[in-house]
Amino acid sequence: MDIFFKILLIIFSLGLITVVLLQKGKSAGLSGAISGGAEHLFGKQKARGLDLFLQRLTVGLAVGFFVTALIVAYLIKS
């Protein structure tokens, strides 16, 4: 049981790293700040399709990672 949760923790951590690296940055320096302000003013929605999916997947993997980390910590302590 202990080995299963450790392997699951490794899978969650690798998945979380991968999904975070696949996401676009919110701004690209000064030009991103200027264009980001213009997009916000004119109402362009940035989070569409793949970006929205990656955001939701990141949240799911993060929750799974923290829950699994707590379970592994409890199993190691007892």
N, C-alpha and C. Protein backbone atom coordinates (compact mmCIF):
# COMPACT_ATOMS: atom_id res chain seq x y z
N MET A 1 0.83 -1.19 0.00
CA MET A 1 0.00 0.00 0.00
C MET A 1 0.87 1.26 0.00
N ASP A 2 1.94 1.23 0.77
CA ASP A 2 2.85 2.36 0.87
C ASP A 2 3.52 2.63 -0.48
N ILE A 3 3.95 1.57 -1.15
CA ILE A 3 4.61 1.69 -2.45
C ILE A 3 3.64 2.26 -3.49
N PHE A 4 2.39 1.84 -3.45
CA PHE A 4 1.37 2.32 -4.39
C PHE A 4 1.21 3.83 -4.30
N PHE A 5 1.11 4.36 -3.08
CA PHE A 5 0.92 5.79 -2.92
C PHE A 5 2.17 6.58 -3.29
N LYS A 6 3.34 6.01 -3.07
CA LYS A 6 4.57 6.69 -3.48
C LYS A 6 4.67 6.77 -5.00
N ILE A 7 4.31 5.70 -5.68
CA ILE A 7 4.31 5.70 -7.14
C ILE A 7 3.27 6.69 -7.66
N LEU A 8 2.10 6.71 -7.02
CA LEU A 8 1.05 7.65 -7.41
C LEU A 8 1.51 9.10 -7.20
N LEU A 9 2.26 9.35 -6.14
CA LEU A 9 2.79 10.69 -5.87
C LEU A 9 3.79 11.11 -6.96
N ILE A 10 4.61 10.18 -7.40
CA ILE A 10 5.57 10.47 -8.47
C ILE A 10 4.83 10.77 -9.77
N ILE A 11 3.78 10.01 -10.07
CA ILE A 11 3.00 10.25 -11.28
C ILE A 11 2.34 11.62 -11.24
N PHE A 12 1.74 11.98 -10.09
CA PHE A 12 1.12 13.30 -9.95
C PHE A 12 2.15 14.41 -10.11
N SER A 13 3.33 14.24 -9.51
CA SER A 13 4.33 15.30 -9.59
C SER A 13 4.85 15.48 -11.01
N LEU A 14 5.11 14.39 -11.73
CA LEU A 14 5.56 14.50 -13.12
C LEU A 14 4.47 15.10 -14.01
N GLY A 15 3.24 14.70 -13.78
CA GLY A 15 2.13 15.27 -14.55
C GLY A 15 1.96 16.75 -14.29
N LEU A 16 2.09 17.15 -13.04
CA LEU A 16 1.96 18.56 -12.67
C LEU A 16 3.08 19.39 -13.30
N ILE A 17 4.29 18.90 -13.27
CA ILE A 17 5.41 19.60 -13.90
C ILE A 17 5.18 19.76 -15.39
N THR A 18 4.74 18.69 -16.04
CA THR A 18 4.50 18.71 -17.48
C THR A 18 3.41 19.71 -17.86
N VAL A 19 2.30 19.68 -17.13
CA VAL A 19 1.18 20.56 -17.46
C VAL A 19 1.54 22.03 -17.23
N VAL A 20 2.28 22.31 -16.18
CA VAL A 20 2.68 23.69 -15.92
C VAL A 20 3.62 24.20 -17.02
N LEU A 21 4.52 23.35 -17.48
CA LEU A 21 5.43 23.77 -18.54
C LEU A 21 4.74 23.92 -19.88
N LEU A 22 3.63 23.25 -20.10
CA LEU A 22 2.89 23.37 -21.35
C LEU A 22 2.07 24.65 -21.44
N GLN A 23 1.79 25.28 -20.31
CA GLN A 23 0.95 26.47 -20.31
C GLN A 23 1.71 27.68 -20.82
N LYS A 24 0.97 28.59 -21.43
CA LYS A 24 1.56 29.84 -21.90
C LYS A 24 1.76 30.78 -20.71
N GLY A 25 2.73 31.67 -20.84
CA GLY A 25 2.93 32.69 -19.82
C GLY A 25 1.84 33.74 -19.91
N LYS A 26 1.55 34.39 -18.81
CA LYS A 26 0.51 35.42 -18.80
C LYS A 26 0.97 36.70 -19.49
N SER A 27 2.26 36.97 -19.48
CA SER A 27 2.76 38.16 -20.17
C SER A 27 4.16 37.86 -20.69
N ALA A 28 4.56 38.62 -21.67
CA ALA A 28 5.90 38.45 -22.24
C ALA A 28 6.67 39.76 -22.06
N GLY A 29 6.92 40.13 -20.84
CA GLY A 29 7.66 41.35 -20.56
C GLY A 29 6.81 42.59 -20.76
N LEU A 30 7.44 43.67 -21.21
CA LEU A 30 6.75 44.93 -21.38
C LEU A 30 5.72 44.86 -22.51
N SER A 31 6.06 44.18 -23.60
CA SER A 31 5.10 44.08 -24.71
C SER A 31 3.88 43.28 -24.30
N GLY A 32 4.05 42.29 -23.46
CA GLY A 32 2.91 41.52 -22.97
C GLY A 32 2.03 42.34 -22.05
N ALA A 33 2.65 43.22 -21.29
CA ALA A 33 1.87 44.08 -20.39
C ALA A 33 1.03 45.07 -21.18
N ILE A 34 1.61 45.61 -22.25
CA ILE A 34 0.87 46.57 -23.07
C ILE A 34 -0.25 45.87 -23.83
N SER A 35 0.07 44.78 -24.50
CA SER A 35 -0.97 44.08 -25.27
C SER A 35 -1.99 43.42 -24.35
N GLY A 36 -1.55 42.99 -23.17
CA GLY A 36 -2.49 42.40 -22.22
C GLY A 36 -3.51 43.40 -21.75
N GLY A 37 -3.08 44.64 -21.54
CA GLY A 37 -4.00 45.69 -21.15
C GLY A 37 -4.99 46.01 -22.26
N ALA A 38 -4.50 46.00 -23.50
CA ALA A 38 -5.38 46.28 -24.64
C ALA A 38 -6.39 45.15 -24.81
N GLU A 39 -5.95 43.91 -24.62
CA GLU A 39 -6.87 42.78 -24.76
C GLU A 39 -7.93 42.81 -23.67
N HIS A 40 -7.54 43.23 -22.48
CA HIS A 40 -8.51 43.32 -21.40
C HIS A 40 -9.52 44.44 -21.67
N LEU A 41 -9.03 45.54 -22.22
CA LEU A 41 -9.90 46.68 -22.51
C LEU A 41 -10.92 46.34 -23.60
N PHE A 42 -10.47 45.65 -24.63
CA PHE A 42 -11.37 45.34 -25.74
C PHE A 42 -12.10 44.01 -25.57
N GLY A 43 -11.86 43.33 -24.50
CA GLY A 43 -12.64 42.14 -24.16
C GLY A 43 -12.23 40.86 -24.85
N LYS A 44 -10.99 40.72 -25.22
CA LYS A 44 -10.54 39.47 -25.83
C LYS A 44 -10.35 38.44 -24.72
N GLN A 45 -10.97 37.29 -24.91
CA GLN A 45 -10.86 36.24 -23.89
C GLN A 45 -9.68 35.35 -24.25
N LYS A 46 -8.72 35.26 -23.34
CA LYS A 46 -7.51 34.49 -23.61
C LYS A 46 -7.68 33.00 -23.34
N ALA A 47 -8.39 32.67 -22.28
CA ALA A 47 -8.48 31.27 -21.85
C ALA A 47 -9.55 30.55 -22.68
N ARG A 48 -9.12 29.95 -23.77
CA ARG A 48 -10.03 29.19 -24.62
C ARG A 48 -9.44 27.82 -24.87
N GLY A 49 -10.29 26.88 -25.14
CA GLY A 49 -9.88 25.56 -25.59
C GLY A 49 -8.82 24.90 -24.75
N LEU A 50 -7.64 24.80 -25.35
CA LEU A 50 -6.54 24.09 -24.71
C LEU A 50 -6.07 24.79 -23.43
N ASP A 51 -6.05 26.11 -23.44
CA ASP A 51 -5.61 26.84 -22.24
C ASP A 51 -6.52 26.58 -21.05
N LEU A 52 -7.83 26.58 -21.31
CA LEU A 52 -8.79 26.32 -20.23
C LEU A 52 -8.66 24.88 -19.74
N PHE A 53 -8.46 23.93 -20.67
CA PHE A 53 -8.27 22.54 -20.28
C PHE A 53 -7.01 22.36 -19.44
N LEU A 54 -5.92 23.02 -19.84
CA LEU A 54 -4.68 22.91 -19.08
C LEU A 54 -4.80 23.53 -17.69
N GLN A 55 -5.55 24.61 -17.57
CA GLN A 55 -5.76 25.22 -16.25
C GLN A 55 -6.52 24.28 -15.33
N ARG A 56 -7.58 23.68 -15.86
CA ARG A 56 -8.37 22.75 -15.04
C ARG A 56 -7.59 21.49 -14.70
N LEU A 57 -6.80 21.01 -15.65
CA LEU A 57 -5.96 19.84 -15.38
C LEU A 57 -4.91 20.14 -14.33
N THR A 58 -4.36 21.35 -14.35
CA THR A 58 -3.38 21.76 -13.34
C THR A 58 -3.99 21.75 -11.95
N VAL A 59 -5.20 22.27 -11.83
CA VAL A 59 -5.87 22.29 -10.53
C VAL A 59 -6.13 20.86 -10.06
N GLY A 60 -6.61 20.00 -10.94
CA GLY A 60 -6.87 18.61 -10.57
C GLY A 60 -5.61 17.87 -10.14
N LEU A 61 -4.54 18.06 -10.90
CA LEU A 61 -3.28 17.40 -10.54
C LEU A 61 -2.70 17.95 -9.25
N ALA A 62 -2.86 19.25 -9.01
CA ALA A 62 -2.35 19.84 -7.77
C ALA A 62 -3.09 19.30 -6.56
N VAL A 63 -4.41 19.19 -6.67
CA VAL A 63 -5.21 18.63 -5.56
C VAL A 63 -4.81 17.17 -5.32
N GLY A 64 -4.68 16.41 -6.40
CA GLY A 64 -4.26 15.02 -6.26
C GLY A 64 -2.88 14.89 -5.64
N PHE A 65 -1.98 15.78 -6.03
CA PHE A 65 -0.62 15.75 -5.49
C PHE A 65 -0.62 16.02 -3.98
N PHE A 66 -1.36 17.05 -3.55
CA PHE A 66 -1.36 17.39 -2.13
C PHE A 66 -2.05 16.32 -1.29
N VAL A 67 -3.14 15.78 -1.79
CA VAL A 67 -3.82 14.72 -1.04
C VAL A 67 -2.93 13.48 -0.93
N THR A 68 -2.30 13.11 -2.03
CA THR A 68 -1.41 11.95 -2.01
C THR A 68 -0.20 12.20 -1.12
N ALA A 69 0.33 13.42 -1.12
CA ALA A 69 1.47 13.74 -0.26
C ALA A 69 1.08 13.63 1.22
N LEU A 70 -0.12 14.08 1.55
CA LEU A 70 -0.59 13.94 2.94
C LEU A 70 -0.77 12.47 3.32
N ILE A 71 -1.28 11.67 2.41
CA ILE A 71 -1.45 10.23 2.71
C ILE A 71 -0.10 9.56 2.89
N VAL A 72 0.86 9.88 2.03
CA VAL A 72 2.19 9.28 2.16
C VAL A 72 2.85 9.73 3.47
N ALA A 73 2.70 10.99 3.83
CA ALA A 73 3.28 11.46 5.08
C ALA A 73 2.66 10.75 6.28
N TYR A 74 1.34 10.53 6.23
CA TYR A 74 0.66 9.82 7.32
C TYR A 74 1.13 8.36 7.39
N LEU A 75 1.28 7.70 6.24
CA LEU A 75 1.70 6.30 6.23
C LEU A 75 3.15 6.14 6.70
N ILE A 76 4.00 7.09 6.37
CA ILE A 76 5.39 7.02 6.82
C ILE A 76 5.49 7.23 8.33
N LYS A 77 4.66 8.15 8.85
CA LYS A 77 4.71 8.45 10.28
C LYS A 77 4.21 7.28 11.12
N SER A 78 3.20 6.57 10.63
CA SER A 78 2.64 5.49 11.44
C SER A 78 3.24 4.15 11.14
